[in-house]
Amino acid sequence: MKNTMKWTSLLGLVLTLMVFTACGGGEQIQTTDTVRTINIIGADEMKFVVAEAAEGITTGDQYGANFKLETILAAPGEELRVNLSTNSALPAIAMSHNFVLLTADADVDAFANASISARDNGYLAPDMMDWVIVHTAMLGGGESDSITFTAPLEPGEYTFICSFPGHYAGGMVGKLIVQ
């Protein structure tokens, strides 16, 4: 009888673990239903572009089949995913892009200027990282990166830039407007 109870208990434990594992209980599953995704392309024209206008973004001039990304509108605390890809045939040392979202109080000009000489840190000024909310990797042609983050709780305008040398000055900049 003791052996039967041990086997029954062991079998119950194994079945429970199988069901728990099959349902994903052993890992954290992130649902993407509440995460708004924005697909951005870093273009050779030193612009952030999107393939089409979508709810919550505003666009400007057309570049080929794409449109310059001007603003991203977000609610305070909204979960956002930025998928950035670089579309370039140039070597990465000549043309790479990243997406850097800065705090509302950041001195964008100072950050961009200091980042020019921070090649070893992905063109992100190490002494000014407290101004960075989130950033992608620096991406050469054909590369992509994705970041998921929570929009700031404080309403306001938050600047995003590409920190590759000359790109911010060339117009690779936009605003995340939290309202």
N, C-alpha and C. Protein backbone atom coordinates (compact mmCIF):
# COMPACT_ATOMS: atom_id res chain seq x y z
N MET A 1 0.82 -1.20 0.00
CA MET A 1 0.00 0.00 0.00
C MET A 1 0.87 1.26 0.00
N LYS A 2 1.97 1.25 0.79
CA LYS A 2 2.86 2.40 0.81
C LYS A 2 3.49 2.61 -0.56
N ASN A 3 3.87 1.55 -1.25
CA ASN A 3 4.45 1.68 -2.58
C ASN A 3 3.44 2.24 -3.56
N THR A 4 2.18 1.79 -3.46
CA THR A 4 1.14 2.30 -4.34
C THR A 4 0.93 3.78 -4.11
N MET A 5 0.92 4.23 -2.85
CA MET A 5 0.76 5.65 -2.54
C MET A 5 1.94 6.45 -3.05
N LYS A 6 3.17 5.93 -2.93
CA LYS A 6 4.34 6.63 -3.43
C LYS A 6 4.25 6.80 -4.94
N TRP A 7 3.89 5.69 -5.63
CA TRP A 7 3.79 5.75 -7.11
C TRP A 7 2.67 6.69 -7.53
N THR A 8 1.55 6.67 -6.83
CA THR A 8 0.43 7.56 -7.15
C THR A 8 0.85 9.01 -6.95
N SER A 9 1.54 9.28 -5.84
CA SER A 9 2.01 10.65 -5.57
C SER A 9 3.03 11.09 -6.61
N LEU A 10 3.95 10.18 -6.95
CA LEU A 10 4.97 10.49 -7.94
C LEU A 10 4.33 10.72 -9.31
N LEU A 11 3.38 9.89 -9.68
CA LEU A 11 2.69 10.04 -10.96
C LEU A 11 1.92 11.36 -10.98
N GLY A 12 1.27 11.71 -9.87
CA GLY A 12 0.55 12.99 -9.78
C GLY A 12 1.48 14.17 -9.94
N LEU A 13 2.65 14.10 -9.32
CA LEU A 13 3.64 15.17 -9.43
C LEU A 13 4.13 15.29 -10.85
N VAL A 14 4.45 14.19 -11.49
CA VAL A 14 4.93 14.21 -12.88
C VAL A 14 3.86 14.81 -13.79
N LEU A 15 2.62 14.38 -13.65
CA LEU A 15 1.54 14.92 -14.48
C LEU A 15 1.34 16.41 -14.24
N THR A 16 1.42 16.83 -12.98
CA THR A 16 1.29 18.26 -12.66
C THR A 16 2.41 19.05 -13.32
N LEU A 17 3.63 18.55 -13.24
CA LEU A 17 4.76 19.24 -13.87
C LEU A 17 4.61 19.30 -15.38
N MET A 18 4.11 18.21 -15.98
CA MET A 18 3.91 18.19 -17.43
C MET A 18 2.89 19.25 -17.84
N VAL A 19 1.78 19.33 -17.13
CA VAL A 19 0.74 20.31 -17.44
C VAL A 19 1.29 21.71 -17.21
N PHE A 20 1.98 21.92 -16.09
CA PHE A 20 2.55 23.23 -15.75
C PHE A 20 3.53 23.67 -16.82
N THR A 21 4.39 22.78 -17.27
CA THR A 21 5.39 23.11 -18.29
C THR A 21 4.71 23.35 -19.63
N ALA A 22 3.74 22.53 -20.00
CA ALA A 22 3.04 22.70 -21.28
C ALA A 22 2.30 24.01 -21.34
N CYS A 23 1.86 24.50 -20.19
CA CYS A 23 1.15 25.77 -20.16
C CYS A 23 2.08 26.96 -20.02
N GLY A 24 3.37 26.68 -19.99
CA GLY A 24 4.32 27.78 -19.90
C GLY A 24 4.58 28.25 -18.50
N GLY A 25 4.21 27.47 -17.51
CA GLY A 25 4.39 27.90 -16.13
C GLY A 25 5.84 28.06 -15.72
N GLY A 26 6.74 27.40 -16.43
CA GLY A 26 8.14 27.47 -16.07
C GLY A 26 8.87 28.66 -16.66
N GLU A 27 8.22 29.42 -17.53
CA GLU A 27 8.88 30.57 -18.14
C GLU A 27 7.92 31.74 -18.18
N GLN A 28 8.47 32.93 -18.25
CA GLN A 28 7.62 34.10 -18.31
C GLN A 28 7.23 34.34 -19.76
N ILE A 29 5.96 34.39 -20.02
CA ILE A 29 5.46 34.64 -21.36
C ILE A 29 5.02 36.08 -21.43
N GLN A 30 5.56 36.79 -22.40
CA GLN A 30 5.20 38.20 -22.57
C GLN A 30 4.16 38.29 -23.67
N THR A 31 3.01 38.82 -23.35
CA THR A 31 2.00 39.01 -24.37
C THR A 31 2.30 40.30 -25.11
N THR A 32 2.07 40.27 -26.39
CA THR A 32 2.37 41.45 -27.19
C THR A 32 1.10 42.22 -27.54
N ASP A 33 -0.03 41.79 -27.01
CA ASP A 33 -1.29 42.46 -27.33
C ASP A 33 -1.31 43.90 -26.84
N THR A 34 -0.61 44.20 -25.76
CA THR A 34 -0.65 45.54 -25.20
C THR A 34 0.57 46.37 -25.58
N VAL A 35 1.47 45.81 -26.37
CA VAL A 35 2.67 46.52 -26.79
C VAL A 35 2.48 47.03 -28.22
N ARG A 36 2.54 48.35 -28.37
CA ARG A 36 2.42 48.93 -29.71
C ARG A 36 3.80 48.89 -30.38
N THR A 37 3.85 48.36 -31.58
CA THR A 37 5.10 48.21 -32.29
C THR A 37 5.20 49.24 -33.41
N ILE A 38 6.38 49.88 -33.49
CA ILE A 38 6.65 50.87 -34.52
C ILE A 38 7.88 50.39 -35.28
N ASN A 39 7.71 50.14 -36.57
CA ASN A 39 8.79 49.67 -37.42
C ASN A 39 9.44 50.87 -38.11
N ILE A 40 10.70 51.11 -37.76
CA ILE A 40 11.43 52.28 -38.26
C ILE A 40 12.61 51.80 -39.10
N ILE A 41 12.87 52.54 -40.16
CA ILE A 41 14.01 52.25 -41.02
C ILE A 41 14.98 53.42 -40.93
N GLY A 42 16.25 53.11 -40.74
CA GLY A 42 17.30 54.11 -40.82
C GLY A 42 17.75 54.17 -42.27
N ALA A 43 17.56 55.32 -42.90
CA ALA A 43 17.81 55.46 -44.34
C ALA A 43 19.13 56.18 -44.60
N ASP A 44 19.68 55.95 -45.79
CA ASP A 44 20.92 56.62 -46.21
C ASP A 44 20.78 58.13 -46.24
N GLU A 45 19.57 58.64 -46.37
CA GLU A 45 19.34 60.09 -46.38
C GLU A 45 19.46 60.71 -45.00
N MET A 46 19.92 59.90 -44.03
CA MET A 46 20.05 60.32 -42.63
C MET A 46 18.70 60.77 -42.08
N LYS A 47 17.72 59.90 -42.23
CA LYS A 47 16.37 60.13 -41.73
C LYS A 47 15.84 58.83 -41.14
N PHE A 48 14.99 58.97 -40.12
CA PHE A 48 14.17 57.85 -39.66
C PHE A 48 12.95 57.85 -40.56
N VAL A 49 12.66 56.73 -41.19
CA VAL A 49 11.50 56.65 -42.07
C VAL A 49 10.64 55.45 -41.69
N VAL A 50 9.38 55.53 -42.10
CA VAL A 50 8.43 54.43 -41.93
C VAL A 50 7.80 54.14 -43.27
N ALA A 51 7.37 52.91 -43.45
CA ALA A 51 6.79 52.50 -44.73
C ALA A 51 5.43 53.13 -44.98
N GLU A 52 4.71 53.41 -43.90
CA GLU A 52 3.38 54.00 -44.06
C GLU A 52 2.96 54.72 -42.79
N ALA A 53 2.07 55.65 -42.95
CA ALA A 53 1.52 56.35 -41.79
C ALA A 53 0.69 55.35 -40.98
N ALA A 54 0.70 55.52 -39.69
CA ALA A 54 -0.08 54.65 -38.81
C ALA A 54 -0.60 55.49 -37.66
N GLU A 55 -1.57 54.94 -36.95
CA GLU A 55 -2.13 55.65 -35.80
C GLU A 55 -1.04 55.89 -34.77
N GLY A 56 -0.97 57.11 -34.27
CA GLY A 56 -0.01 57.44 -33.23
C GLY A 56 1.34 57.92 -33.72
N ILE A 57 1.49 58.06 -35.03
CA ILE A 57 2.73 58.64 -35.56
C ILE A 57 2.37 59.70 -36.59
N THR A 58 3.25 60.68 -36.72
CA THR A 58 3.08 61.66 -37.79
C THR A 58 4.31 61.58 -38.69
N THR A 59 4.07 61.80 -39.96
CA THR A 59 5.14 61.69 -40.94
C THR A 59 5.27 62.99 -41.72
N GLY A 60 6.41 63.11 -42.38
CA GLY A 60 6.69 64.29 -43.18
C GLY A 60 7.01 63.91 -44.61
N ASP A 61 8.10 64.46 -45.13
CA ASP A 61 8.50 64.26 -46.52
C ASP A 61 8.61 62.80 -46.89
N GLN A 62 8.38 62.54 -48.19
CA GLN A 62 8.50 61.19 -48.71
C GLN A 62 9.93 60.97 -49.21
N TYR A 63 10.49 59.79 -48.88
CA TYR A 63 11.82 59.37 -49.34
C TYR A 63 11.64 58.03 -50.02
N GLY A 64 11.58 58.04 -51.35
CA GLY A 64 11.30 56.81 -52.07
C GLY A 64 9.90 56.35 -51.72
N ALA A 65 9.79 55.10 -51.29
CA ALA A 65 8.49 54.55 -50.90
C ALA A 65 8.16 54.80 -49.43
N ASN A 66 9.06 55.48 -48.72
CA ASN A 66 8.90 55.68 -47.28
C ASN A 66 8.65 57.14 -46.93
N PHE A 67 8.28 57.35 -45.67
CA PHE A 67 7.96 58.69 -45.18
C PHE A 67 8.78 59.00 -43.94
N LYS A 68 9.28 60.24 -43.84
CA LYS A 68 10.08 60.65 -42.69
C LYS A 68 9.21 60.58 -41.42
N LEU A 69 9.75 59.93 -40.42
CA LEU A 69 9.07 59.85 -39.13
C LEU A 69 9.32 61.15 -38.38
N GLU A 70 8.25 61.85 -38.03
CA GLU A 70 8.36 63.12 -37.31
C GLU A 70 8.12 62.92 -35.82
N THR A 71 6.97 62.33 -35.47
CA THR A 71 6.62 62.16 -34.06
C THR A 71 5.96 60.81 -33.81
N ILE A 72 6.14 60.36 -32.58
CA ILE A 72 5.43 59.20 -32.06
C ILE A 72 4.62 59.72 -30.88
N LEU A 73 3.33 59.50 -30.91
CA LEU A 73 2.45 59.90 -29.80
C LEU A 73 2.25 58.70 -28.89
N ALA A 74 2.32 58.92 -27.57
CA ALA A 74 2.15 57.83 -26.61
C ALA A 74 1.43 58.33 -25.38
N ALA A 75 0.75 57.43 -24.75
CA ALA A 75 0.12 57.73 -23.46
C ALA A 75 1.16 57.51 -22.36
N PRO A 76 1.05 58.21 -21.25
CA PRO A 76 1.98 57.97 -20.15
C PRO A 76 1.95 56.50 -19.73
N GLY A 77 3.11 55.88 -19.64
CA GLY A 77 3.20 54.49 -19.23
C GLY A 77 2.87 53.47 -20.30
N GLU A 78 2.62 53.90 -21.52
CA GLU A 78 2.30 52.97 -22.60
C GLU A 78 3.52 52.13 -22.96
N GLU A 79 3.29 50.85 -23.21
CA GLU A 79 4.37 49.96 -23.63
C GLU A 79 4.57 50.11 -25.15
N LEU A 80 5.81 50.37 -25.54
CA LEU A 80 6.15 50.56 -26.95
C LEU A 80 7.29 49.64 -27.33
N ARG A 81 7.27 49.19 -28.57
CA ARG A 81 8.38 48.43 -29.13
C ARG A 81 8.82 49.16 -30.38
N VAL A 82 10.10 49.44 -30.47
CA VAL A 82 10.68 50.04 -31.66
C VAL A 82 11.53 48.97 -32.33
N ASN A 83 11.17 48.64 -33.55
CA ASN A 83 11.98 47.76 -34.39
C ASN A 83 12.71 48.66 -35.37
N LEU A 84 14.02 48.72 -35.25
CA LEU A 84 14.83 49.56 -36.13
C LEU A 84 15.63 48.67 -37.06
N SER A 85 15.60 49.00 -38.34
CA SER A 85 16.45 48.31 -39.32
C SER A 85 17.17 49.37 -40.14
N THR A 86 18.38 49.03 -40.57
CA THR A 86 19.15 49.95 -41.40
C THR A 86 19.13 49.46 -42.83
N ASN A 87 18.74 50.36 -43.73
CA ASN A 87 18.68 50.05 -45.15
C ASN A 87 19.80 50.83 -45.82
N SER A 88 20.93 50.15 -46.07
CA SER A 88 22.07 50.82 -46.68
C SER A 88 22.98 49.79 -47.33
N ALA A 89 23.55 50.16 -48.46
CA ALA A 89 24.55 49.33 -49.12
C ALA A 89 25.96 49.79 -48.76
N LEU A 90 26.06 50.88 -48.00
CA LEU A 90 27.35 51.42 -47.60
C LEU A 90 27.95 50.59 -46.47
N PRO A 91 29.26 50.59 -46.32
CA PRO A 91 29.86 49.87 -45.19
C PRO A 91 29.44 50.50 -43.86
N ALA A 92 29.36 49.69 -42.81
CA ALA A 92 28.88 50.16 -41.50
C ALA A 92 29.70 51.33 -40.97
N ILE A 93 30.98 51.37 -41.28
CA ILE A 93 31.81 52.47 -40.78
C ILE A 93 31.41 53.81 -41.41
N ALA A 94 30.76 53.75 -42.58
CA ALA A 94 30.33 54.97 -43.26
C ALA A 94 28.86 55.30 -43.01
N MET A 95 28.04 54.29 -42.76
CA MET A 95 26.60 54.52 -42.59
C MET A 95 26.01 53.49 -41.64
N SER A 96 25.76 53.90 -40.43
CA SER A 96 25.08 53.07 -39.44
C SER A 96 24.06 53.94 -38.72
N HIS A 97 23.10 53.28 -38.09
CA HIS A 97 22.03 54.02 -37.40
C HIS A 97 21.72 53.36 -36.07
N ASN A 98 21.26 54.18 -35.14
CA ASN A 98 20.67 53.70 -33.90
C ASN A 98 19.49 54.59 -33.57
N PHE A 99 18.73 54.19 -32.57
CA PHE A 99 17.59 54.96 -32.08
C PHE A 99 17.88 55.22 -30.61
N VAL A 100 18.02 56.49 -30.25
CA VAL A 100 18.34 56.87 -28.89
C VAL A 100 17.25 57.81 -28.39
N LEU A 101 16.50 57.39 -27.38
CA LEU A 101 15.45 58.22 -26.78
C LEU A 101 16.04 58.89 -25.55
N LEU A 102 15.96 60.21 -25.54
CA LEU A 102 16.56 61.00 -24.47
C LEU A 102 15.50 61.54 -23.51
N THR A 103 15.93 61.85 -22.31
CA THR A 103 15.03 62.43 -21.31
C THR A 103 14.56 63.81 -21.76
N ALA A 104 13.48 64.28 -21.19
CA ALA A 104 12.92 65.58 -21.56
C ALA A 104 13.88 66.72 -21.25
N ASP A 105 14.71 66.56 -20.22
CA ASP A 105 15.62 67.64 -19.84
C ASP A 105 17.02 67.50 -20.45
N ALA A 106 17.21 66.55 -21.34
CA ALA A 106 18.52 66.33 -21.96
C ALA A 106 18.90 67.51 -22.85
N ASP A 107 20.17 67.84 -22.86
CA ASP A 107 20.70 68.81 -23.81
C ASP A 107 21.07 68.01 -25.05
N VAL A 108 20.15 67.96 -26.00
CA VAL A 108 20.29 67.10 -27.17
C VAL A 108 21.54 67.47 -27.97
N ASP A 109 21.78 68.76 -28.18
CA ASP A 109 22.96 69.18 -28.93
C ASP A 109 24.24 68.72 -28.23
N ALA A 110 24.33 68.91 -26.93
CA ALA A 110 25.52 68.50 -26.18
C ALA A 110 25.71 66.99 -26.25
N PHE A 111 24.61 66.23 -26.10
CA PHE A 111 24.70 64.77 -26.18
C PHE A 111 25.19 64.33 -27.55
N ALA A 112 24.59 64.88 -28.61
CA ALA A 112 24.98 64.49 -29.98
C ALA A 112 26.44 64.85 -30.25
N ASN A 113 26.86 66.03 -29.84
CA ASN A 113 28.24 66.45 -30.07
C ASN A 113 29.23 65.59 -29.30
N ALA A 114 28.92 65.25 -28.06
CA ALA A 114 29.81 64.41 -27.26
C ALA A 114 29.84 62.97 -27.79
N SER A 115 28.75 62.52 -28.36
CA SER A 115 28.66 61.15 -28.86
C SER A 115 29.50 60.92 -30.11
N ILE A 116 29.79 61.98 -30.84
CA ILE A 116 30.59 61.87 -32.07
C ILE A 116 31.93 61.19 -31.79
N SER A 117 32.52 61.47 -30.65
CA SER A 117 33.83 60.91 -30.34
C SER A 117 33.76 59.64 -29.48
N ALA A 118 32.58 59.08 -29.32
CA ALA A 118 32.41 57.89 -28.47
C ALA A 118 32.25 56.62 -29.31
N ARG A 119 33.10 56.46 -30.31
CA ARG A 119 33.00 55.31 -31.21
C ARG A 119 33.04 53.98 -30.44
N ASP A 120 33.93 53.88 -29.45
CA ASP A 120 34.07 52.63 -28.69
C ASP A 120 32.85 52.31 -27.83
N ASN A 121 31.96 53.26 -27.67
CA ASN A 121 30.74 53.06 -26.88
C ASN A 121 29.50 53.13 -27.78
N GLY A 122 29.64 52.77 -29.04
CA GLY A 122 28.50 52.80 -29.96
C GLY A 122 28.01 54.19 -30.25
N TYR A 123 28.91 55.18 -30.21
CA TYR A 123 28.57 56.59 -30.42
C TYR A 123 27.52 57.08 -29.43
N LEU A 124 27.67 56.63 -28.18
CA LEU A 124 26.84 57.10 -27.07
C LEU A 124 27.79 57.69 -26.03
N ALA A 125 27.67 58.97 -25.76
CA ALA A 125 28.56 59.65 -24.82
C ALA A 125 28.46 59.01 -23.44
N PRO A 126 29.53 58.33 -22.98
CA PRO A 126 29.45 57.61 -21.70
C PRO A 126 29.11 58.50 -20.51
N ASP A 127 29.58 59.73 -20.51
CA ASP A 127 29.33 60.63 -19.38
C ASP A 127 27.91 61.20 -19.36
N MET A 128 27.14 60.92 -20.42
CA MET A 128 25.79 61.49 -20.53
C MET A 128 24.71 60.41 -20.62
N MET A 129 25.04 59.20 -20.22
CA MET A 129 24.08 58.10 -20.32
C MET A 129 22.88 58.28 -19.39
N ASP A 130 22.98 59.16 -18.39
CA ASP A 130 21.83 59.42 -17.53
C ASP A 130 20.73 60.16 -18.29
N TRP A 131 21.03 60.70 -19.46
CA TRP A 131 20.02 61.34 -20.31
C TRP A 131 19.34 60.33 -21.25
N VAL A 132 19.85 59.12 -21.32
CA VAL A 132 19.32 58.11 -22.24
C VAL A 132 18.25 57.28 -21.54
N ILE A 133 17.05 57.28 -22.10
CA ILE A 133 15.97 56.43 -21.58
C ILE A 133 16.16 55.02 -22.10
N VAL A 134 16.39 54.91 -23.41
CA VAL A 134 16.56 53.60 -24.06
C VAL A 134 17.25 53.83 -25.40
N HIS A 135 17.94 52.81 -25.88
CA HIS A 135 18.59 52.91 -27.19
C HIS A 135 18.74 51.53 -27.82
N THR A 136 18.82 51.52 -29.13
CA THR A 136 19.13 50.29 -29.85
C THR A 136 20.64 50.19 -30.00
N ALA A 137 21.08 49.09 -30.56
CA ALA A 137 22.48 48.94 -30.95
C ALA A 137 22.72 49.81 -32.19
N MET A 138 23.98 50.07 -32.49
CA MET A 138 24.36 50.75 -33.73
C MET A 138 24.32 49.69 -34.83
N LEU A 139 23.58 49.98 -35.90
CA LEU A 139 23.29 48.97 -36.92
C LEU A 139 23.80 49.37 -38.29
N GLY A 140 24.55 48.47 -38.92
CA GLY A 140 24.97 48.66 -40.30
C GLY A 140 23.89 48.16 -41.24
N GLY A 141 24.12 48.30 -42.54
CA GLY A 141 23.15 47.89 -43.56
C GLY A 141 22.71 46.45 -43.40
N GLY A 142 21.41 46.23 -43.43
CA GLY A 142 20.83 44.89 -43.32
C GLY A 142 20.65 44.40 -41.89
N GLU A 143 21.11 45.17 -40.91
CA GLU A 143 20.98 44.75 -39.52
C GLU A 143 19.72 45.36 -38.90
N SER A 144 19.24 44.73 -37.84
CA SER A 144 18.06 45.25 -37.14
C SER A 144 18.18 44.97 -35.64
N ASP A 145 17.44 45.73 -34.88
CA ASP A 145 17.40 45.58 -33.44
C ASP A 145 16.01 46.00 -32.97
N SER A 146 15.60 45.47 -31.84
CA SER A 146 14.29 45.77 -31.29
C SER A 146 14.43 46.10 -29.81
N ILE A 147 13.74 47.15 -29.38
CA ILE A 147 13.72 47.52 -27.97
C ILE A 147 12.26 47.69 -27.54
N THR A 148 11.97 47.26 -26.35
CA THR A 148 10.64 47.44 -25.77
C THR A 148 10.83 48.25 -24.50
N PHE A 149 10.00 49.27 -24.35
CA PHE A 149 10.14 50.15 -23.20
C PHE A 149 8.79 50.74 -22.83
N THR A 150 8.76 51.32 -21.65
CA THR A 150 7.56 52.00 -21.16
C THR A 150 7.74 53.49 -21.38
N ALA A 151 6.77 54.11 -22.03
CA ALA A 151 6.83 55.56 -22.23
C ALA A 151 6.87 56.24 -20.86
N PRO A 152 7.58 57.36 -20.76
CA PRO A 152 7.64 58.08 -19.48
C PRO A 152 6.24 58.40 -18.95
N LEU A 153 6.13 58.46 -17.65
CA LEU A 153 4.85 58.80 -17.02
C LEU A 153 4.56 60.29 -17.09
N GLU A 154 5.61 61.08 -17.18
CA GLU A 154 5.48 62.54 -17.21
C GLU A 154 5.15 63.00 -18.64
N PRO A 155 4.00 63.65 -18.85
CA PRO A 155 3.69 64.18 -20.19
C PRO A 155 4.77 65.17 -20.62
N GLY A 156 5.05 65.19 -21.90
CA GLY A 156 6.04 66.11 -22.44
C GLY A 156 6.62 65.60 -23.74
N GLU A 157 7.65 66.30 -24.20
CA GLU A 157 8.33 65.95 -25.45
C GLU A 157 9.69 65.37 -25.14
N TYR A 158 9.96 64.21 -25.70
CA TYR A 158 11.20 63.49 -25.52
C TYR A 158 11.82 63.30 -26.90
N THR A 159 13.02 63.78 -27.08
CA THR A 159 13.67 63.72 -28.39
C THR A 159 14.32 62.36 -28.61
N PHE A 160 14.17 61.83 -29.84
CA PHE A 160 14.95 60.66 -30.23
C PHE A 160 15.84 61.05 -31.40
N ILE A 161 17.05 60.49 -31.39
CA ILE A 161 18.03 60.82 -32.42
C ILE A 161 18.78 59.56 -32.85
N CYS A 162 19.51 59.69 -33.95
CA CYS A 162 20.56 58.75 -34.30
C CYS A 162 21.86 59.43 -33.89
N SER A 163 22.69 58.75 -33.11
CA SER A 163 23.90 59.37 -32.59
C SER A 163 25.14 59.09 -33.45
N PHE A 164 24.97 58.44 -34.61
CA PHE A 164 26.11 58.26 -35.52
C PHE A 164 26.57 59.65 -35.96
N PRO A 165 27.88 59.86 -36.09
CA PRO A 165 28.38 61.20 -36.40
C PRO A 165 27.70 61.85 -37.61
N GLY A 166 27.18 63.05 -37.38
CA GLY A 166 26.56 63.85 -38.42
C GLY A 166 25.08 63.58 -38.66
N HIS A 167 24.55 62.50 -38.14
CA HIS A 167 23.16 62.15 -38.46
C HIS A 167 22.15 63.04 -37.76
N TYR A 168 22.38 63.36 -36.49
CA TYR A 168 21.48 64.28 -35.80
C TYR A 168 21.48 65.63 -36.50
N ALA A 169 22.66 66.14 -36.81
CA ALA A 169 22.77 67.43 -37.52
C ALA A 169 22.13 67.35 -38.90
N GLY A 170 22.15 66.17 -39.51
CA GLY A 170 21.56 65.98 -40.83
C GLY A 170 20.05 65.78 -40.81
N GLY A 171 19.45 65.77 -39.63
CA GLY A 171 17.99 65.68 -39.52
C GLY A 171 17.45 64.35 -39.06
N MET A 172 18.31 63.48 -38.54
CA MET A 172 17.83 62.18 -38.05
C MET A 172 17.42 62.35 -36.60
N VAL A 173 16.23 62.95 -36.45
CA VAL A 173 15.73 63.34 -35.14
C VAL A 173 14.21 63.36 -35.19
N GLY A 174 13.58 63.11 -34.07
CA GLY A 174 12.13 63.18 -33.96
C GLY A 174 11.74 63.34 -32.50
N LYS A 175 10.45 63.31 -32.26
CA LYS A 175 9.93 63.51 -30.89
C LYS A 175 8.98 62.38 -30.51
N LEU A 176 9.14 61.92 -29.28
CA LEU A 176 8.14 61.09 -28.64
C LEU A 176 7.33 62.06 -27.80
N ILE A 177 6.05 62.20 -28.12
CA ILE A 177 5.19 63.12 -27.39
C ILE A 177 4.28 62.31 -26.48
N VAL A 178 4.49 62.49 -25.19
CA VAL A 178 3.68 61.78 -24.19
C VAL A 178 2.58 62.73 -23.75
N GLN A 179 1.34 62.28 -23.96
CA GLN A 179 0.18 63.14 -23.63
C GLN A 179 -0.97 62.33 -23.10
